[in-house]
Structures are given as structure tokens and as C-alpha cells.
Amino acid sequence: MAPTLVPLVDRQDLSLDCIALLNEEWPRSFTSREHSQNKSCRSSPPMSLLLIEDDVLLGHARMCLLPDRRDACWVESVIVRKSHRGRGLGKVLMNLTESKALELNFSKIFLSTHDQVPFYRSFGYEICAPILHSTTATSVFPVLAKLAPASPAKPTVSPSSNGTVISSYTVPPPPPPPPAPKATVSN
């Protein structure tokens, strides 16, 4: 049977296994992990997605919304169980996650990684400018983006002030910060 991607909300029986899988790679207390997972136990972003084959949890990815970017999502906590690595399941997981993003009307996916840039580049992700996101993880690593293939723009690669960033297409610059509040003097 081929691996399938299902929202955690539809397979809550795998919740404890999912917590253990995530804690293998990124250890946190059970309570903390359970709390963040409960926030992603939904049928729409923020949502945890499970890669399952023969009723066994093989992998996980979390899809989150981006502030002021209705066309894009943030993907984090992408992991394949250590005992199942080397079978191409990471690519399967990302391809299914991308399909889910398109199903939810997202045309762009952003993610951040410090050690898997070659993996993501191998199927179309490129370094891009940093973006604003508010998820359970803070981005301190290169941000990668992949756009829907419908765009005819030429690929660009641009450096950032906080590290390497990848983009499949030109990304507009972020808006300027809001003006500082005016000081008032009272007597």
C-alpha cells in the first residue's frame, strides 16, 4: 500500500506516536509537545499532516498560515521516522504536502532549514528573502520557497542579512515598518 497523507485531526489515535516521532528529532517535554500539537489538530492550517503506510506513522509535516499572505503557507516540523529513511519518503511527504497546499489554494510554500537545503533544492525549492511568520518555530535558518509552476517568472537567488535565502521566483520586498509613535509632552 502506498503512503498517504492525512490530517492529525482524522487520526488522533496516532497522537502519542506523533509526539514521540517529533521528540526523536526535536526533544521537548511531553506536555509542551502535546500543547503545540493540539493547536495543530485541525482540518485546516495550522494543521499537522501525517504520512501513514499500512496504519504505521512514517512522517509528519505541519502547515501554517502566514500573516498577510493568503496565497502562501509555512511548512515546518517535516520529519520521516529514522527507521524508514533512505526510501524516498521525505520526497513523498513533501510532494503530498505540496498537493495539500494546492488543494487549500496556496500557490507558494515557505520553510526554513539549516541542514537540508540540498534536499529541498533537489525538487524545486530555492533560497528567498526572509519572510514574516508566526508559527511554533522561530526561523533562524535559511528560508526556502517553492511557487506553483504556473508562474512564468525567471528564478532568482538573493542573499539576506541573516543567512542564505532561496526563492523559485522574484519575491517582492517586505513592506516598510510602521512609523514610530509620536512623542507627546504633558505639563
C-alpha atoms as a PDB file:
ATOM      1  CA  MET A   1       0.000   0.000   0.000  1.00  0.00           C
ATOM      2  CA  ALA A   2       1.341   3.466  -0.919  1.00  0.00           C
ATOM      3  CA  PRO A   3       1.884   6.065   1.813  1.00  0.00           C
ATOM      4  CA  THR A   4      -0.970   8.527   2.306  1.00  0.00           C
ATOM      5  CA  LEU A   5      -1.120  11.949   3.939  1.00  0.00           C
ATOM      6  CA  VAL A   6      -3.897  12.558   6.451  1.00  0.00           C
ATOM      7  CA  PRO A   7      -4.557  15.402   8.875  1.00  0.00           C
ATOM      8  CA  LEU A   8      -3.849  14.508  12.503  1.00  0.00           C
ATOM      9  CA  VAL A   9      -7.432  15.504  13.302  1.00  0.00           C
ATOM     10  CA  ASP A  10      -8.549  12.435  11.297  1.00  0.00           C
ATOM     11  CA  ARG A  11      -6.080  10.083  13.016  1.00  0.00           C
ATOM     12  CA  GLN A  12      -5.973  11.237  16.625  1.00  0.00           C
ATOM     13  CA  ASP A  13      -5.271   7.625  17.591  1.00  0.00           C
ATOM     14  CA  LEU A  14      -1.709   8.306  16.344  1.00  0.00           C
ATOM     15  CA  SER A  15      -1.259  11.399  18.512  1.00  0.00           C
ATOM     16  CA  LEU A  16       1.094   9.790  21.062  1.00  0.00           C
ATOM     17  CA  ASP A  17       3.152   8.195  18.285  1.00  0.00           C
ATOM     18  CA  CYS A  18       3.367  11.593  16.575  1.00  0.00           C
ATOM     19  CA  ILE A  19       4.612  13.235  19.786  1.00  0.00           C
ATOM     20  CA  ALA A  20       7.282  10.530  20.118  1.00  0.00           C
ATOM     21  CA  LEU A  21       8.316  10.954  16.455  1.00  0.00           C
ATOM     22  CA  LEU A  22       8.716  14.731  16.788  1.00  0.00           C
ATOM     23  CA  ASN A  23      10.575  14.380  20.092  1.00  0.00           C
ATOM     24  CA  GLU A  24      13.075  11.973  18.484  1.00  0.00           C
ATOM     25  CA  GLU A  25      14.367  14.856  16.365  1.00  0.00           C
ATOM     26  CA  TRP A  26      13.457  17.925  18.434  1.00  0.00           C
ATOM     27  CA  PRO A  27      13.173  16.931  22.126  1.00  0.00           C
ATOM     28  CA  ARG A  28      10.659  18.852  24.243  1.00  0.00           C
ATOM     29  CA  SER A  29       8.617  17.957  27.263  1.00  0.00           C
ATOM     30  CA  PHE A  30       5.613  15.773  26.554  1.00  0.00           C
ATOM     31  CA  THR A  31       3.259  18.468  27.870  1.00  0.00           C
ATOM     32  CA  SER A  32       4.781  21.189  25.704  1.00  0.00           C
ATOM     33  CA  ARG A  33       4.700  18.994  22.598  1.00  0.00           C
ATOM     34  CA  GLU A  34       1.134  17.891  23.307  1.00  0.00           C
ATOM     35  CA  HIS A  35       0.043  21.520  23.739  1.00  0.00           C
ATOM     36  CA  SER A  36       1.535  22.623  20.401  1.00  0.00           C
ATOM     37  CA  GLN A  37       0.187  19.523  18.674  1.00  0.00           C
ATOM     38  CA  ASN A  38      -3.329  20.185  19.982  1.00  0.00           C
ATOM     39  CA  LYS A  39      -3.200  23.620  18.318  1.00  0.00           C
ATOM     40  CA  SER A  40      -2.474  21.841  15.016  1.00  0.00           C
ATOM     41  CA  CYS A  41      -5.097  19.115  15.367  1.00  0.00           C
ATOM     42  CA  ARG A  42      -7.334  20.749  12.758  1.00  0.00           C
ATOM     43  CA  SER A  43      -8.592  20.169   9.230  1.00  0.00           C
ATOM     44  CA  SER A  44      -7.163  23.498   8.016  1.00  0.00           C
ATOM     45  CA  PRO A  45      -3.955  25.396   8.806  1.00  0.00           C
ATOM     46  CA  PRO A  46      -2.405  25.422  11.260  1.00  0.00           C
ATOM     47  CA  MET A  47      -2.601  21.675  10.825  1.00  0.00           C
ATOM     48  CA  SER A  48      -0.408  18.639  11.389  1.00  0.00           C
ATOM     49  CA  LEU A  49      -0.216  16.192   8.494  1.00  0.00           C
ATOM     50  CA  LEU A  50       0.755  12.552   8.982  1.00  0.00           C
ATOM     51  CA  LEU A  51       2.410  10.284   6.428  1.00  0.00           C
ATOM     52  CA  ILE A  52       0.950   6.817   7.009  1.00  0.00           C
ATOM     53  CA  GLU A  53       1.552   3.455   5.346  1.00  0.00           C
ATOM     54  CA  ASP A  54      -0.168   0.228   6.442  1.00  0.00           C
ATOM     55  CA  ASP A  55      -1.501   2.067   9.517  1.00  0.00           C
ATOM     56  CA  VAL A  56       2.064   2.973  10.616  1.00  0.00           C
ATOM     57  CA  LEU A  57       3.105   6.605  11.171  1.00  0.00           C
ATOM     58  CA  LEU A  58       6.108   7.253   8.913  1.00  0.00           C
ATOM     59  CA  GLY A  59       6.347  11.041   8.858  1.00  0.00           C
ATOM     60  CA  HIS A  60       4.941  14.421   9.807  1.00  0.00           C
ATOM     61  CA  ALA A  61       4.689  17.956   8.422  1.00  0.00           C
ATOM     62  CA  ARG A  62       2.923  20.985   9.894  1.00  0.00           C
ATOM     63  CA  MET A  63       1.286  23.527   7.582  1.00  0.00           C
ATOM     64  CA  CYS A  64       0.714  27.026   8.978  1.00  0.00           C
ATOM     65  CA  LEU A  65      -0.762  30.293   7.763  1.00  0.00           C
ATOM     66  CA  LEU A  66       1.378  33.344   7.070  1.00  0.00           C
ATOM     67  CA  PRO A  67       0.317  36.814   8.227  1.00  0.00           C
ATOM     68  CA  ASP A  68      -0.957  38.931   5.318  1.00  0.00           C
ATOM     69  CA  ARG A  69      -0.138  36.206   2.742  1.00  0.00           C
ATOM     70  CA  ARG A  70      -3.329  34.399   1.792  1.00  0.00           C
ATOM     71  CA  ASP A  71      -1.580  32.795  -1.191  1.00  0.00           C
ATOM     72  CA  ALA A  72       1.207  31.182   0.851  1.00  0.00           C
ATOM     73  CA  CYS A  73       1.756  28.807   3.742  1.00  0.00           C
ATOM     74  CA  TRP A  74       4.641  27.942   6.046  1.00  0.00           C
ATOM     75  CA  VAL A  75       5.672  24.292   6.406  1.00  0.00           C
ATOM     76  CA  GLU A  76       7.635  23.135   9.433  1.00  0.00           C
ATOM     77  CA  SER A  77       8.411  20.066  11.532  1.00  0.00           C
ATOM     78  CA  VAL A  78       8.996  17.955   8.424  1.00  0.00           C
ATOM     79  CA  ILE A  79      10.309  14.583   9.546  1.00  0.00           C
ATOM     80  CA  VAL A  80      10.463  10.952   8.454  1.00  0.00           C
ATOM     81  CA  ARG A  81      10.865   8.246  11.090  1.00  0.00           C
ATOM     82  CA  LYS A  82      14.575   7.339  11.330  1.00  0.00           C
ATOM     83  CA  SER A  83      13.935   3.638  10.703  1.00  0.00           C
ATOM     84  CA  HIS A  84      12.223   4.483   7.387  1.00  0.00           C
ATOM     85  CA  ARG A  85      14.709   6.987   5.967  1.00  0.00           C
ATOM     86  CA  GLY A  86      16.515   6.314   2.692  1.00  0.00           C
ATOM     87  CA  ARG A  87      13.348   5.110   0.924  1.00  0.00           C
ATOM     88  CA  GLY A  88      12.399   8.432  -0.684  1.00  0.00           C
ATOM     89  CA  LEU A  89       9.685   9.067   1.889  1.00  0.00           C
ATOM     90  CA  GLY A  90      10.866  12.635   2.543  1.00  0.00           C
ATOM     91  CA  LYS A  91      10.170  13.483  -1.073  1.00  0.00           C
ATOM     92  CA  VAL A  92       6.826  11.645  -0.920  1.00  0.00           C
ATOM     93  CA  LEU A  93       5.935  13.590   2.235  1.00  0.00           C
ATOM     94  CA  MET A  94       6.800  16.935   0.643  1.00  0.00           C
ATOM     95  CA  ASN A  95       5.032  16.116  -2.643  1.00  0.00           C
ATOM     96  CA  LEU A  96       1.858  15.172  -0.758  1.00  0.00           C
ATOM     97  CA  THR A  97       2.190  18.276   1.442  1.00  0.00           C
ATOM     98  CA  GLU A  98       2.531  20.430  -1.687  1.00  0.00           C
ATOM     99  CA  SER A  99      -0.595  18.789  -3.142  1.00  0.00           C
ATOM    100  CA  LYS A 100      -2.471  19.544   0.075  1.00  0.00           C
ATOM    101  CA  ALA A 101      -1.282  23.167  -0.090  1.00  0.00           C
ATOM    102  CA  LEU A 102      -2.600  23.480  -3.655  1.00  0.00           C
ATOM    103  CA  GLU A 103      -5.881  21.874  -2.565  1.00  0.00           C
ATOM    104  CA  LEU A 104      -6.133  24.616   0.089  1.00  0.00           C
ATOM    105  CA  ASN A 105      -5.490  27.274  -2.606  1.00  0.00           C
ATOM    106  CA  PHE A 106      -1.927  28.123  -1.615  1.00  0.00           C
ATOM    107  CA  SER A 107       0.355  28.895  -4.544  1.00  0.00           C
ATOM    108  CA  LYS A 108       3.554  29.245  -2.547  1.00  0.00           C
ATOM    109  CA  ILE A 109       5.191  27.285   0.282  1.00  0.00           C
ATOM    110  CA  PHE A 110       7.896  28.642   2.571  1.00  0.00           C
ATOM    111  CA  LEU A 111      10.017  26.663   5.006  1.00  0.00           C
ATOM    112  CA  SER A 112      13.261  27.016   6.900  1.00  0.00           C
ATOM    113  CA  THR A 113      16.134  24.572   7.298  1.00  0.00           C
ATOM    114  CA  HIS A 114      19.751  24.636   8.373  1.00  0.00           C
ATOM    115  CA  ASP A 115      20.883  21.199   7.229  1.00  0.00           C
ATOM    116  CA  GLN A 116      18.526  20.095   4.449  1.00  0.00           C
ATOM    117  CA  VAL A 117      18.961  22.824   1.809  1.00  0.00           C
ATOM    118  CA  PRO A 118      20.250  20.306  -0.811  1.00  0.00           C
ATOM    119  CA  PHE A 119      17.233  18.041  -0.159  1.00  0.00           C
ATOM    120  CA  TYR A 120      14.720  20.845  -0.748  1.00  0.00           C
ATOM    121  CA  ARG A 121      16.649  22.246  -3.715  1.00  0.00           C
ATOM    122  CA  SER A 122      16.534  18.798  -5.339  1.00  0.00           C
ATOM    123  CA  PHE A 123      12.856  19.249  -6.069  1.00  0.00           C
ATOM    124  CA  GLY A 124      12.495  22.941  -6.743  1.00  0.00           C
ATOM    125  CA  TYR A 125      12.863  24.941  -3.561  1.00  0.00           C
ATOM    126  CA  GLU A 126      15.187  27.922  -3.761  1.00  0.00           C
ATOM    127  CA  ILE A 127      16.593  30.439  -1.326  1.00  0.00           C
ATOM    128  CA  CYS A 128      14.437  33.567  -0.941  1.00  0.00           C
ATOM    129  CA  ALA A 129      14.231  36.733   1.119  1.00  0.00           C
ATOM    130  CA  PRO A 130      13.232  36.321   4.772  1.00  0.00           C
ATOM    131  CA  ILE A 131       9.508  36.441   5.460  1.00  0.00           C
ATOM    132  CA  LEU A 132       7.365  37.253   8.461  1.00  0.00           C
ATOM    133  CA  HIS A 133       5.763  34.231  10.057  1.00  0.00           C
ATOM    134  CA  SER A 134       4.322  33.399  13.440  1.00  0.00           C
ATOM    135  CA  THR A 135       4.428  29.675  13.991  1.00  0.00           C
ATOM    136  CA  THR A 136       5.541  27.389  16.760  1.00  0.00           C
ATOM    137  CA  ALA A 137       9.126  27.529  15.438  1.00  0.00           C
ATOM    138  CA  THR A 138      11.252  30.630  15.021  1.00  0.00           C
ATOM    139  CA  SER A 139      13.149  30.974  11.752  1.00  0.00           C
ATOM    140  CA  VAL A 140      16.873  31.388  12.311  1.00  0.00           C
ATOM    141  CA  PHE A 141      17.927  29.270   9.343  1.00  0.00           C
ATOM    142  CA  PRO A 142      17.710  29.739   5.577  1.00  0.00           C
ATOM    143  CA  VAL A 143      14.179  30.271   4.335  1.00  0.00           C
ATOM    144  CA  LEU A 144      13.204  28.323   1.232  1.00  0.00           C
ATOM    145  CA  ALA A 145      10.250  28.861  -1.067  1.00  0.00           C
ATOM    146  CA  LYS A 146       8.519  26.984  -3.818  1.00  0.00           C
ATOM    147  CA  LEU A 147       5.909  28.535  -6.048  1.00  0.00           C
ATOM    148  CA  ALA A 148       3.178  26.927  -8.066  1.00  0.00           C
ATOM    149  CA  PRO A 149       4.596  26.022 -11.501  1.00  0.00           C
ATOM    150  CA  ALA A 150       2.072  28.286 -13.290  1.00  0.00           C
ATOM    151  CA  SER A 151       4.209  31.410 -12.816  1.00  0.00           C
ATOM    152  CA  PRO A 152       6.451  32.224 -15.809  1.00  0.00           C
ATOM    153  CA  ALA A 153       8.904  34.379 -13.830  1.00  0.00           C
ATOM    154  CA  LYS A 154      12.620  33.635 -14.001  1.00  0.00           C
ATOM    155  CA  PRO A 155      14.279  32.111 -10.932  1.00  0.00           C
ATOM    156  CA  THR A 156      16.336  34.402  -8.740  1.00  0.00           C
ATOM    157  CA  VAL A 157      18.692  33.838  -5.863  1.00  0.00           C
ATOM    158  CA  SER A 158      19.346  36.609  -3.393  1.00  0.00           C
ATOM    159  CA  PRO A 159      21.396  36.753  -0.196  1.00  0.00           C
ATOM    160  CA  SER A 160      19.938  38.022   3.050  1.00  0.00           C
ATOM    161  CA  SER A 161      21.389  39.717   6.067  1.00  0.00           C
ATOM    162  CA  ASN A 162      20.790  36.710   8.328  1.00  0.00           C
ATOM    163  CA  GLY A 163      21.909  33.869   6.080  1.00  0.00           C
ATOM    164  CA  THR A 164      21.181  32.213   2.784  1.00  0.00           C
ATOM    165  CA  VAL A 165      17.668  32.505   1.416  1.00  0.00           C
ATOM    166  CA  ILE A 166      16.176  30.670  -1.595  1.00  0.00           C
ATOM    167  CA  SER A 167      13.281  31.550  -3.989  1.00  0.00           C
ATOM    168  CA  SER A 168      11.984  29.984  -7.196  1.00  0.00           C
ATOM    169  CA  TYR A 169      10.795  33.383  -8.384  1.00  0.00           C
ATOM    170  CA  THR A 170      11.257  37.035  -7.557  1.00  0.00           C
ATOM    171  CA  VAL A 171       9.712  37.784  -4.190  1.00  0.00           C
ATOM    172  CA  PRO A 172       8.616  41.362  -3.520  1.00  0.00           C
ATOM    173  CA  PRO A 173      10.409  43.134  -0.696  1.00  0.00           C
ATOM    174  CA  PRO A 174       8.659  43.215   2.666  1.00  0.00           C
ATOM    175  CA  PRO A 175       6.662  46.346   3.474  1.00  0.00           C
ATOM    176  CA  PRO A 176       8.390  49.065   5.481  1.00  0.00           C
ATOM    177  CA  PRO A 177       7.871  49.031   9.240  1.00  0.00           C
ATOM    178  CA  PRO A 178       5.081  51.221  10.599  1.00  0.00           C
ATOM    179  CA  PRO A 179       6.063  54.735  11.674  1.00  0.00           C
ATOM    180  CA  ALA A 180       7.152  55.192  15.266  1.00  0.00           C
ATOM    181  CA  PRO A 181       4.520  56.723  17.548  1.00  0.00           C
ATOM    182  CA  LYS A 182       4.847  60.468  18.012  1.00  0.00           C
ATOM    183  CA  ALA A 183       6.042  61.555  21.415  1.00  0.00           C
ATOM    184  CA  THR A 184       3.636  63.662  23.437  1.00  0.00           C
ATOM    185  CA  VAL A 185       4.582  66.136  26.117  1.00  0.00           C
ATOM    186  CA  SER A 186       2.299  66.736  29.056  1.00  0.00           C
ATOM    187  CA  ASN A 187       2.567  69.532  31.581  1.00  0.00           C
END
